[in-house]
C-alpha atoms as a PDB file:
ATOM      1  CA  MET A   1       6.318  -4.217  -4.203  1.00  0.00           C
ATOM      2  CA  LEU A   2       3.953  -3.736  -1.301  1.00  0.00           C
ATOM      3  CA  PHE A   3       2.737  -0.385  -2.527  1.00  0.00           C
ATOM      4  CA  ARG A   4       4.090   2.341  -4.771  1.00  0.00           C
ATOM      5  CA  LEU A   5       4.586   5.926  -3.661  1.00  0.00           C
ATOM      6  CA  GLN A   6       3.888   7.626  -6.987  1.00  0.00           C
ATOM      7  CA  PRO A   7       0.645   9.533  -6.454  1.00  0.00           C
ATOM      8  CA  LYS A   8       0.996  11.833  -9.468  1.00  0.00           C
ATOM      9  CA  ARG A   9       1.489   8.918 -11.840  1.00  0.00           C
ATOM     10  CA  ASP A  10      -1.523   7.081 -10.445  1.00  0.00           C
ATOM     11  CA  GLU A  11      -3.689  10.208 -10.616  1.00  0.00           C
ATOM     12  CA  ARG A  12      -2.749  10.786 -14.261  1.00  0.00           C
ATOM     13  CA  ALA A  13      -3.551   7.150 -15.016  1.00  0.00           C
ATOM     14  CA  ALA A  14      -6.933   7.454 -13.306  1.00  0.00           C
ATOM     15  CA  LEU A  15      -7.819  10.534 -15.362  1.00  0.00           C
ATOM     16  CA  ALA A  16      -6.873   8.780 -18.597  1.00  0.00           C
ATOM     17  CA  MET A  17      -8.930   5.714 -17.662  1.00  0.00           C
ATOM     18  CA  ARG A  18     -11.989   7.786 -16.770  1.00  0.00           C
ATOM     19  CA  ASP A  19     -11.766   9.748 -20.005  1.00  0.00           C
ATOM     20  CA  LEU A  20     -11.499   6.547 -22.015  1.00  0.00           C
ATOM     21  CA  ALA A  21     -14.426   4.989 -20.143  1.00  0.00           C
ATOM     22  CA  SER A  22     -16.529   8.043 -20.937  1.00  0.00           C
ATOM     23  CA  ALA A  23     -15.673   7.848 -24.636  1.00  0.00           C
ATOM     24  CA  ILE A  24     -16.509   4.144 -24.882  1.00  0.00           C
ATOM     25  CA  ASP A  25     -19.704   4.529 -22.845  1.00  0.00           C
ATOM     26  CA  ALA A  26     -20.811   7.313 -25.192  1.00  0.00           C
ATOM     27  CA  GLY A  27     -20.644   4.861 -28.104  1.00  0.00           C
ATOM     28  CA  LEU A  28     -17.738   6.461 -29.963  1.00  0.00           C
ATOM     29  CA  PRO A  29     -15.898   4.193 -32.434  1.00  0.00           C
ATOM     30  CA  PRO A  30     -12.337   3.164 -31.417  1.00  0.00           C
ATOM     31  CA  PRO A  31     -10.523   5.354 -34.004  1.00  0.00           C
ATOM     32  CA  SER A  32     -12.143   8.475 -32.550  1.00  0.00           C
ATOM     33  CA  TYR A  33     -10.409   8.018 -29.185  1.00  0.00           C
ATOM     34  CA  GLY A  34      -7.149   6.603 -30.517  1.00  0.00           C
ATOM     35  CA  GLY A  35      -7.999   2.928 -30.671  1.00  0.00           C
ATOM     36  CA  ASP A  36      -6.923   0.596 -33.447  1.00  0.00           C
ATOM     37  CA  PRO A  37      -9.453  -2.048 -34.527  1.00  0.00           C
ATOM     38  CA  HIS A  38      -6.564  -4.275 -35.602  1.00  0.00           C
ATOM     39  CA  ASP A  39      -5.554  -4.653 -31.933  1.00  0.00           C
ATOM     40  CA  GLY A  40      -8.619  -6.796 -31.316  1.00  0.00           C
ATOM     41  CA  ASP A  41      -9.277  -7.577 -27.663  1.00  0.00           C
ATOM     42  CA  ARG A  42      -6.061  -5.778 -26.660  1.00  0.00           C
ATOM     43  CA  GLN A  43      -7.208  -2.372 -27.857  1.00  0.00           C
ATOM     44  CA  LEU A  44      -7.248  -0.828 -24.391  1.00  0.00           C
ATOM     45  CA  VAL A  45      -3.984  -2.518 -23.448  1.00  0.00           C
ATOM     46  CA  GLN A  46      -2.314  -0.958 -26.470  1.00  0.00           C
ATOM     47  CA  LEU A  47      -4.099   2.401 -26.217  1.00  0.00           C
ATOM     48  CA  LEU A  48      -3.455   3.360 -22.596  1.00  0.00           C
ATOM     49  CA  PRO A  49       0.371   3.139 -22.835  1.00  0.00           C
ATOM     50  CA  ARG A  50       0.168   5.532 -25.780  1.00  0.00           C
ATOM     51  CA  ARG A  51      -1.555   7.928 -23.396  1.00  0.00           C
ATOM     52  CA  GLY A  52       1.292   7.593 -20.910  1.00  0.00           C
ATOM     53  CA  VAL A  53      -0.301   4.988 -18.633  1.00  0.00           C
ATOM     54  CA  LYS A  54       1.936   2.141 -17.546  1.00  0.00           C
ATOM     55  CA  LEU A  55      -0.172  -0.956 -16.921  1.00  0.00           C
ATOM     56  CA  ASP A  56       0.744  -3.957 -14.813  1.00  0.00           C
ATOM     57  CA  ALA A  57      -0.008  -7.540 -15.856  1.00  0.00           C
ATOM     58  CA  ILE A  58      -3.197  -7.748 -13.786  1.00  0.00           C
ATOM     59  CA  GLU A  59      -4.615  -4.551 -15.266  1.00  0.00           C
ATOM     60  CA  GLU A  60      -3.907  -5.860 -18.751  1.00  0.00           C
ATOM     61  CA  THR A  61      -5.779  -9.085 -17.957  1.00  0.00           C
ATOM     62  CA  VAL A  62      -8.745  -7.110 -16.612  1.00  0.00           C
ATOM     63  CA  LEU A  63      -8.903  -4.861 -19.668  1.00  0.00           C
ATOM     64  CA  VAL A  64      -8.704  -7.736 -22.143  1.00  0.00           C
ATOM     65  CA  ALA A  65     -11.398  -9.699 -20.312  1.00  0.00           C
ATOM     66  CA  SER A  66     -13.671  -6.673 -19.996  1.00  0.00           C
ATOM     67  CA  TRP A  67     -13.346  -5.884 -23.706  1.00  0.00           C
ATOM     68  CA  GLN A  68     -14.309  -9.452 -24.575  1.00  0.00           C
ATOM     69  CA  THR A  69     -17.414  -9.276 -22.379  1.00  0.00           C
ATOM     70  CA  GLY A  70     -18.405  -5.728 -23.342  1.00  0.00           C
ATOM     71  CA  ARG A  71     -17.759  -4.336 -19.838  1.00  0.00           C
ATOM     72  CA  SER A  72     -14.861  -2.018 -20.646  1.00  0.00           C
ATOM     73  CA  PRO A  73     -16.289   1.235 -19.202  1.00  0.00           C
ATOM     74  CA  ALA A  74     -17.064  -0.372 -15.844  1.00  0.00           C
ATOM     75  CA  ALA A  75     -13.645  -2.051 -15.727  1.00  0.00           C
ATOM     76  CA  LEU A  76     -11.861   1.197 -16.554  1.00  0.00           C
ATOM     77  CA  LEU A  77     -13.755   3.012 -13.810  1.00  0.00           C
ATOM     78  CA  ARG A  78     -12.862   0.295 -11.279  1.00  0.00           C
ATOM     79  CA  LEU A  79      -9.199   0.494 -12.224  1.00  0.00           C
ATOM     80  CA  ALA A  80      -9.371   4.293 -12.018  1.00  0.00           C
ATOM     81  CA  ASP A  81     -10.828   4.015  -8.505  1.00  0.00           C
ATOM     82  CA  GLN A  82      -7.980   1.713  -7.496  1.00  0.00           C
ATOM     83  CA  ARG A  83      -5.372   4.089  -8.899  1.00  0.00           C
ATOM     84  CA  GLU A  84      -6.959   7.007  -7.041  1.00  0.00           C
ATOM     85  CA  GLN A  85      -6.990   5.002  -3.802  1.00  0.00           C
ATOM     86  CA  GLN A  86      -3.325   4.139  -4.315  1.00  0.00           C
ATOM     87  CA  ALA A  87      -2.524   7.803  -4.898  1.00  0.00           C
ATOM     88  CA  GLU A  88      -4.424   8.851  -1.767  1.00  0.00           C
ATOM     89  CA  PHE A  89      -2.662   6.209   0.320  1.00  0.00           C
ATOM     90  CA  ALA A  90       0.735   7.230  -1.067  1.00  0.00           C
ATOM     91  CA  ARG A  91       0.098  10.871  -0.185  1.00  0.00           C
ATOM     92  CA  THR A  92      -0.959   9.828   3.322  1.00  0.00           C
ATOM     93  CA  VAL A  93       2.267   7.859   3.797  1.00  0.00           C
ATOM     94  CA  ILE A  94       4.450  10.643   2.418  1.00  0.00           C
ATOM     95  CA  ALA A  95       2.753  13.261   4.583  1.00  0.00           C
ATOM     96  CA  SER A  96       3.042  11.008   7.638  1.00  0.00           C
ATOM     97  CA  LEU A  97       6.777  10.480   7.149  1.00  0.00           C
ATOM     98  CA  ARG A  98       7.634  14.094   6.348  1.00  0.00           C
ATOM     99  CA  TYR A  99       7.368  15.388   9.929  1.00  0.00           C
ATOM    100  CA  PRO A 100       9.371  12.553  11.582  1.00  0.00           C
ATOM    101  CA  ALA A 101      12.025  12.845   8.866  1.00  0.00           C
ATOM    102  CA  LEU A 102      12.336  16.577   9.525  1.00  0.00           C
ATOM    103  CA  LEU A 103      12.693  15.974  13.257  1.00  0.00           C
ATOM    104  CA  LEU A 104      15.396  13.353  12.686  1.00  0.00           C
ATOM    105  CA  PHE A 105      17.274  15.778  10.461  1.00  0.00           C
ATOM    106  CA  LEU A 106      17.029  18.556  13.052  1.00  0.00           C
ATOM    107  CA  ALA A 107      18.097  16.163  15.808  1.00  0.00           C
ATOM    108  CA  THR A 108      21.173  15.238  13.778  1.00  0.00           C
ATOM    109  CA  LEU A 109      21.971  18.895  13.170  1.00  0.00           C
ATOM    110  CA  VAL A 110      21.557  19.800  16.839  1.00  0.00           C
ATOM    111  CA  SER A 111      23.743  16.860  17.889  1.00  0.00           C
ATOM    112  CA  LEU A 112      26.550  18.142  15.671  1.00  0.00           C
ATOM    113  CA  ILE A 113      26.255  21.574  17.272  1.00  0.00           C
ATOM    114  CA  ALA A 114      26.235  19.992  20.724  1.00  0.00           C
ATOM    115  CA  ALA A 115      29.438  18.115  19.869  1.00  0.00           C
ATOM    116  CA  LYS A 116      31.210  21.438  19.437  1.00  0.00           C
ATOM    117  CA  LEU A 117      29.927  22.454  22.864  1.00  0.00           C
ATOM    118  CA  GLY A 118      31.409  19.404  24.563  1.00  0.00           C
ATOM    119  CA  ALA A 119      28.862  16.598  24.036  1.00  0.00           C
ATOM    120  CA  HIS A 120      31.077  14.669  21.625  1.00  0.00           C
ATOM    121  CA  TRP A 121      29.138  11.476  22.233  1.00  0.00           C
ATOM    122  CA  LEU A 122      25.737  12.862  21.157  1.00  0.00           C
ATOM    123  CA  PRO A 123      26.214  12.597  17.352  1.00  0.00           C
ATOM    124  CA  TRP A 124      27.143   8.958  17.816  1.00  0.00           C
ATOM    125  CA  VAL A 125      23.962   8.289  19.773  1.00  0.00           C
ATOM    126  CA  VAL A 126      21.752  10.035  17.229  1.00  0.00           C
ATOM    127  CA  GLY A 127      23.615   8.328  14.401  1.00  0.00           C
ATOM    128  CA  ALA A 128      23.075   4.949  16.057  1.00  0.00           C
ATOM    129  CA  VAL A 129      19.344   5.660  16.324  1.00  0.00           C
ATOM    130  CA  VAL A 130      19.126   6.629  12.638  1.00  0.00           C
ATOM    131  CA  ALA A 131      21.164   3.561  11.626  1.00  0.00           C
ATOM    132  CA  THR A 132      18.892   1.330  13.714  1.00  0.00           C
ATOM    133  CA  ILE A 133      15.818   2.763  12.005  1.00  0.00           C
ATOM    134  CA  ALA A 134      17.372   2.183   8.573  1.00  0.00           C
ATOM    135  CA  ALA A 135      18.369  -1.387   9.482  1.00  0.00           C
ATOM    136  CA  PHE A 136      14.893  -2.143  10.844  1.00  0.00           C
ATOM    137  CA  THR A 137      13.297  -0.776   7.657  1.00  0.00           C
ATOM    138  CA  LEU A 138      15.477  -3.015   5.478  1.00  0.00           C
ATOM    139  CA  TRP A 139      14.741  -6.049   7.674  1.00  0.00           C
ATOM    140  CA  LEU A 140      11.012  -5.326   7.604  1.00  0.00           C
ATOM    141  CA  ARG A 141      11.001  -5.027   3.823  1.00  0.00           C
ATOM    142  CA  HIS A 142      12.836  -8.346   3.508  1.00  0.00           C
ATOM    143  CA  ALA A 143      10.577 -10.043   6.064  1.00  0.00           C
ATOM    144  CA  ILE A 144       7.421  -8.859   4.298  1.00  0.00           C
ATOM    145  CA  ALA A 145       8.589 -10.016   0.872  1.00  0.00           C
ATOM    146  CA  ASN A 146       9.812 -13.409   2.088  1.00  0.00           C
ATOM    147  CA  GLY A 147       6.817 -14.328   4.190  1.00  0.00           C
ATOM    148  CA  SER A 148       8.295 -14.067   7.673  1.00  0.00           C
ATOM    149  CA  PRO A 149       5.438 -14.263  10.221  1.00  0.00           C
ATOM    150  CA  ARG A 150       7.496 -12.183  12.663  1.00  0.00           C
ATOM    151  CA  ALA A 151       6.606  -9.042  10.731  1.00  0.00           C
ATOM    152  CA  LEU A 152       2.903  -9.711  11.251  1.00  0.00           C
ATOM    153  CA  SER A 153       3.358  -9.988  15.024  1.00  0.00           C
ATOM    154  CA  LEU A 154       4.767  -6.475  15.434  1.00  0.00           C
ATOM    155  CA  PRO A 155       2.532  -3.998  17.299  1.00  0.00           C
ATOM    156  CA  LEU A 156       0.886  -1.373  15.078  1.00  0.00           C
ATOM    157  CA  ILE A 157       2.962  -2.439  12.066  1.00  0.00           C
ATOM    158  CA  GLY A 158       1.747  -6.053  11.911  1.00  0.00           C
ATOM    159  CA  PRO A 159      -1.993  -5.322  11.551  1.00  0.00           C
ATOM    160  CA  LEU A 160      -1.256  -2.735   8.867  1.00  0.00           C
ATOM    161  CA  ILE A 161       0.902  -5.201   6.933  1.00  0.00           C
ATOM    162  CA  ARG A 162      -1.948  -7.728   6.983  1.00  0.00           C
ATOM    163  CA  GLU A 163      -4.285  -5.110   5.532  1.00  0.00           C
ATOM    164  CA  LEU A 164      -1.772  -4.210   2.826  1.00  0.00           C
ATOM    165  CA  GLY A 165      -1.453  -7.877   1.919  1.00  0.00           C
ATOM    166  CA  GLU A 166      -5.178  -8.534   1.757  1.00  0.00           C
ATOM    167  CA  LEU A 167      -6.380  -5.383  -0.015  1.00  0.00           C
ATOM    168  CA  PRO A 168      -4.643  -5.944  -3.403  1.00  0.00           C
ATOM    169  CA  TYR A 169      -5.969  -9.514  -3.445  1.00  0.00           C
ATOM    170  CA  LEU A 170      -9.539  -8.319  -2.983  1.00  0.00           C
ATOM    171  CA  GLU A 171      -9.168  -5.502  -5.523  1.00  0.00           C
ATOM    172  CA  VAL A 172      -7.765  -7.751  -8.235  1.00  0.00           C
ATOM    173  CA  LEU A 173     -10.251 -10.544  -7.543  1.00  0.00           C
ATOM    174  CA  HIS A 174     -13.130  -8.085  -7.777  1.00  0.00           C
ATOM    175  CA  SER A 175     -11.812  -6.505 -10.983  1.00  0.00           C
ATOM    176  CA  LEU A 176     -11.317  -9.849 -12.715  1.00  0.00           C
ATOM    177  CA  TYR A 177     -14.567 -11.401 -11.497  1.00  0.00           C
ATOM    178  CA  ALA A 178     -16.610  -8.310 -12.395  1.00  0.00           C
ATOM    179  CA  SER A 179     -14.999  -8.278 -15.864  1.00  0.00           C
ATOM    180  CA  GLY A 180     -16.267 -11.764 -16.614  1.00  0.00           C
ATOM    181  CA  VAL A 181     -13.301 -13.910 -15.581  1.00  0.00           C
ATOM    182  CA  PRO A 182     -14.530 -17.112 -13.831  1.00  0.00           C
ATOM    183  CA  LEU A 183     -13.714 -17.275 -10.125  1.00  0.00           C
ATOM    184  CA  LEU A 184     -11.461 -20.331 -10.470  1.00  0.00           C
ATOM    185  CA  GLN A 185      -9.337 -18.467 -13.024  1.00  0.00           C
ATOM    186  CA  ALA A 186      -9.469 -15.084 -11.301  1.00  0.00           C
ATOM    187  CA  ASN A 187      -8.464 -16.222  -7.820  1.00  0.00           C
ATOM    188  CA  PRO A 188      -4.905 -17.462  -8.586  1.00  0.00           C
ATOM    189  CA  ARG A 189      -4.109 -14.187 -10.330  1.00  0.00           C
ATOM    190  CA  ALA A 190      -5.531 -12.229  -7.417  1.00  0.00           C
ATOM    191  CA  VAL A 191      -3.390 -14.236  -4.992  1.00  0.00           C
ATOM    192  CA  SER A 192      -0.230 -13.249  -6.869  1.00  0.00           C
ATOM    193  CA  ALA A 193      -1.115  -9.570  -6.423  1.00  0.00           C
ATOM    194  CA  SER A 194      -0.515  -9.709  -2.660  1.00  0.00           C
ATOM    195  CA  GLY A 195       2.875  -8.246  -1.831  1.00  0.00           C
ATOM    196  CA  VAL A 196       3.048  -9.723   1.685  1.00  0.00           C
ATOM    197  CA  GLY A 197       4.636 -13.163   1.651  1.00  0.00           C
ATOM    198  CA  ALA A 198       2.930 -14.511   4.783  1.00  0.00           C
ATOM    199  CA  VAL A 199      -0.503 -13.401   3.561  1.00  0.00           C
ATOM    200  CA  ARG A 200       0.166 -14.672   0.045  1.00  0.00           C
ATOM    201  CA  ASP A 201       1.170 -18.110   1.376  1.00  0.00           C
ATOM    202  CA  ARG A 202      -2.168 -18.473   3.159  1.00  0.00           C
ATOM    203  CA  LEU A 203      -4.056 -17.237   0.107  1.00  0.00           C
ATOM    204  CA  GLN A 204      -2.300 -19.866  -2.007  1.00  0.00           C
ATOM    205  CA  LEU A 205      -3.425 -22.577   0.406  1.00  0.00           C
ATOM    206  CA  ALA A 206      -6.961 -21.219   0.181  1.00  0.00           C
ATOM    207  CA  ASP A 207      -6.770 -21.219  -3.613  1.00  0.00           C
ATOM    208  CA  ALA A 208      -5.761 -24.890  -3.573  1.00  0.00           C
ATOM    209  CA  LEU A 209      -8.936 -25.669  -1.628  1.00  0.00           C
ATOM    210  CA  LEU A 210     -10.991 -23.495  -3.981  1.00  0.00           C
ATOM    211  CA  GLN A 211      -9.676 -25.351  -7.013  1.00  0.00           C
ATOM    212  CA  GLN A 212     -10.739 -28.624  -5.328  1.00  0.00           C
ATOM    213  CA  GLY A 213     -14.348 -27.476  -5.302  1.00  0.00           C
ATOM    214  CA  ARG A 214     -14.673 -25.691  -1.965  1.00  0.00           C
ATOM    215  CA  GLY A 215     -16.433 -22.351  -1.753  1.00  0.00           C
ATOM    216  CA  LEU A 216     -14.444 -19.114  -1.582  1.00  0.00           C
ATOM    217  CA  HIS A 217     -15.559 -18.314   1.961  1.00  0.00           C
ATOM    218  CA  GLU A 218     -14.887 -21.842   3.165  1.00  0.00           C
ATOM    219  CA  SER A 219     -11.427 -21.914   1.599  1.00  0.00           C
ATOM    220  CA  LEU A 220     -10.404 -18.575   3.086  1.00  0.00           C
ATOM    221  CA  LEU A 221     -11.873 -19.506   6.469  1.00  0.00           C
ATOM    222  CA  GLN A 222      -9.922 -22.754   6.763  1.00  0.00           C
ATOM    223  CA  THR A 223      -6.599 -21.027   6.056  1.00  0.00           C
ATOM    224  CA  LEU A 224      -7.367 -17.790   7.965  1.00  0.00           C
ATOM    225  CA  ALA A 225      -6.098 -15.927   4.913  1.00  0.00           C
ATOM    226  CA  VAL A 226      -8.202 -12.775   5.311  1.00  0.00           C
ATOM    227  CA  ASP A 227      -9.773 -10.668   8.034  1.00  0.00           C
ATOM    228  CA  ALA A 228     -12.834 -11.958   9.905  1.00  0.00           C
ATOM    229  CA  GLU A 229     -14.891  -9.037   8.587  1.00  0.00           C
ATOM    230  CA  THR A 230     -13.986  -9.969   5.025  1.00  0.00           C
ATOM    231  CA  LEU A 231     -15.023 -13.561   5.672  1.00  0.00           C
ATOM    232  CA  THR A 232     -18.400 -12.410   6.971  1.00  0.00           C
ATOM    233  CA  LEU A 233     -19.048 -10.248   3.920  1.00  0.00           C
ATOM    234  CA  LEU A 234     -17.988 -12.978   1.490  1.00  0.00           C
ATOM    235  CA  ALA A 235     -20.164 -15.553   3.246  1.00  0.00           C
ATOM    236  CA  LEU A 236     -23.191 -13.280   2.854  1.00  0.00           C
ATOM    237  CA  GLY A 237     -22.328 -12.609  -0.775  1.00  0.00           C
ATOM    238  CA  GLU A 238     -21.917 -16.271  -1.689  1.00  0.00           C
ATOM    239  CA  HIS A 239     -25.127 -17.228   0.114  1.00  0.00           C
ATOM    240  CA  SER A 240     -27.178 -14.544  -1.653  1.00  0.00           C
ATOM    241  CA  GLY A 241     -25.472 -14.824  -5.037  1.00  0.00           C
ATOM    242  CA  THR A 242     -24.042 -11.291  -4.833  1.00  0.00           C
ATOM    243  CA  LEU A 243     -20.329 -12.081  -4.556  1.00  0.00           C
ATOM    244  CA  GLU A 244     -19.331  -9.136  -6.745  1.00  0.00           C
ATOM    245  CA  GLU A 245     -21.076  -6.655  -4.458  1.00  0.00           C
ATOM    246  CA  ALA A 246     -19.692  -8.403  -1.377  1.00  0.00           C
ATOM    247  CA  LEU A 247     -16.151  -8.061  -2.697  1.00  0.00           C
ATOM    248  CA  GLN A 248     -16.729  -4.359  -3.273  1.00  0.00           C
ATOM    249  CA  ARG A 249     -17.992  -3.877   0.291  1.00  0.00           C
ATOM    250  CA  ALA A 250     -15.021  -5.830   1.652  1.00  0.00           C
ATOM    251  CA  ILE A 251     -12.627  -3.651  -0.359  1.00  0.00           C
ATOM    252  CA  GLN A 252     -14.144  -0.452   0.992  1.00  0.00           C
ATOM    253  CA  ARG A 253     -13.976  -1.751   4.557  1.00  0.00           C
ATOM    254  CA  ARG A 254     -10.321  -2.744   4.196  1.00  0.00           C
ATOM    255  CA  ARG A 255      -9.507   0.633   2.660  1.00  0.00           C
ATOM    256  CA  ASP A 256     -11.088   2.390   5.633  1.00  0.00           C
ATOM    257  CA  THR A 257      -9.255   0.276   8.204  1.00  0.00           C
ATOM    258  CA  THR A 258      -5.955   0.594   6.321  1.00  0.00           C
ATOM    259  CA  LYS A 259      -6.234   4.368   6.401  1.00  0.00           C
ATOM    260  CA  ARG A 260      -7.031   4.330  10.130  1.00  0.00           C
ATOM    261  CA  LYS A 261      -4.120   2.043  10.976  1.00  0.00           C
ATOM    262  CA  THR A 262      -1.739   4.093   8.829  1.00  0.00           C
ATOM    263  CA  THR A 263      -2.751   7.220  10.714  1.00  0.00           C
ATOM    264  CA  ALA A 264      -2.212   5.494  14.075  1.00  0.00           C
ATOM    265  CA  LEU A 265       1.247   4.272  13.030  1.00  0.00           C
ATOM    266  CA  ALA A 266       2.177   7.715  11.725  1.00  0.00           C
ATOM    267  CA  LYS A 267       1.230   9.294  15.063  1.00  0.00           C
ATOM    268  CA  ALA A 268       3.373   6.771  16.926  1.00  0.00           C
ATOM    269  CA  ILE A 269       6.364   7.430  14.657  1.00  0.00           C
ATOM    270  CA  GLY A 270       5.878  11.173  14.990  1.00  0.00           C
ATOM    271  CA  ALA A 271       5.726  10.942  18.778  1.00  0.00           C
ATOM    272  CA  ALA A 272       8.959   8.904  18.871  1.00  0.00           C
ATOM    273  CA  ALA A 273      10.731  11.341  16.569  1.00  0.00           C
ATOM    274  CA  TYR A 274       9.496  14.271  18.659  1.00  0.00           C
ATOM    275  CA  ALA A 275      10.806  12.628  21.840  1.00  0.00           C
ATOM    276  CA  LEU A 276      14.200  12.100  20.228  1.00  0.00           C
ATOM    277  CA  GLY A 277      14.278  15.724  19.097  1.00  0.00           C
ATOM    278  CA  VAL A 278      13.395  17.016  22.551  1.00  0.00           C
ATOM    279  CA  LEU A 279      16.027  14.846  24.237  1.00  0.00           C
ATOM    280  CA  THR A 280      18.669  15.940  21.726  1.00  0.00           C
ATOM    281  CA  ALA A 281      17.803  19.617  22.171  1.00  0.00           C
ATOM    282  CA  ALA A 282      17.784  19.283  25.972  1.00  0.00           C
ATOM    283  CA  THR A 283      21.181  17.593  25.888  1.00  0.00           C
ATOM    284  CA  ALA A 284      22.574  20.336  23.670  1.00  0.00           C
ATOM    285  CA  ILE A 285      21.284  23.025  26.013  1.00  0.00           C
ATOM    286  CA  LEU A 286      22.701  21.280  29.069  1.00  0.00           C
ATOM    287  CA  SER A 287      26.045  20.867  27.304  1.00  0.00           C
ATOM    288  CA  PHE A 288      26.125  24.556  26.462  1.00  0.00           C
ATOM    289  CA  TYR A 289      25.397  25.708  30.009  1.00  0.00           C
ATOM    290  CA  SER A 290      27.740  23.111  31.455  1.00  0.00           C
ATOM    291  CA  GLY A 291      30.543  24.376  29.245  1.00  0.00           C
ATOM    292  CA  TYR A 292      29.665  27.965  30.078  1.00  0.00           C
ATOM    293  CA  ALA A 293      29.731  27.206  33.816  1.00  0.00           C
ATOM    294  CA  ASN A 294      33.100  25.473  33.491  1.00  0.00           C
ATOM    295  CA  ALA A 295      34.476  28.480  31.641  1.00  0.00           C
ATOM    296  CA  LEU A 296      33.301  30.828  34.416  1.00  0.00           C
ATOM    297  CA  ARG A 297      34.929  28.630  37.099  1.00  0.00           C
ATOM    298  CA  GLY A 298      38.148  28.739  35.130  1.00  0.00           C
ATOM    299  CA  LEU A 299      38.177  32.546  35.305  1.00  0.00           C
ATOM    300  CA  ARG A 300      38.085  32.583  39.078  1.00  0.00           C
END
């Protein structure tokens, strides 16, 4: 899935992770915060589900690795940040779609009223528009999952899809690498986190080069798998030996640009929905007055 629209669940998970990080950082023994010493390195993986947090496979890997290296609090805080970012993005998407959805509903309602006033064709036009939007959404979802490059070439939508394919890769790579997982082991798992097929294919090619002994920046550069800004930051990080910090800066930059591009797309969708609503309302009004004028001529 490209992203999940469950902000409340992610916010609850973030709170649980932050609370657990605080308890561990304070030096409390595992039994005091619900841990079981018999769980070994999987204590956090077993504990968080008992607190109502559903973990994915990558998060489990991060938590196990961080426990082994004694970096659990930092790992929990990073995962909490990611969950909060996911929740914020989900709320942005939901809020962006609410207004266009309302306008489409009102346009449909007005078209039905206009049909009773003589514009029998209007509901069919509005229905065709709604059906086209639904069909395009299904095609886009399929194209993204199956790696079709056509989705990446779409105006407004394409650049956002690239961001949404790159960001999970960077987040997972940073979480694993900062938790003590070697880069050669962390990168393949990070690649699998990308939900955009076309981006994931390029990342897999880059990983093949990385496993052959190339540097991370060089591998990503040769396959054009990530944004040019990300490449610049990673090159600086590798050169100075601060790859972990470079990944964090790249993540923040991609989060900022993703939010900006989402806002721009939402405005475009809202403007299109508003135009459809205005045209539908204008047609309904013209149909009403046309019918009224015809009725007056019939009385003469």
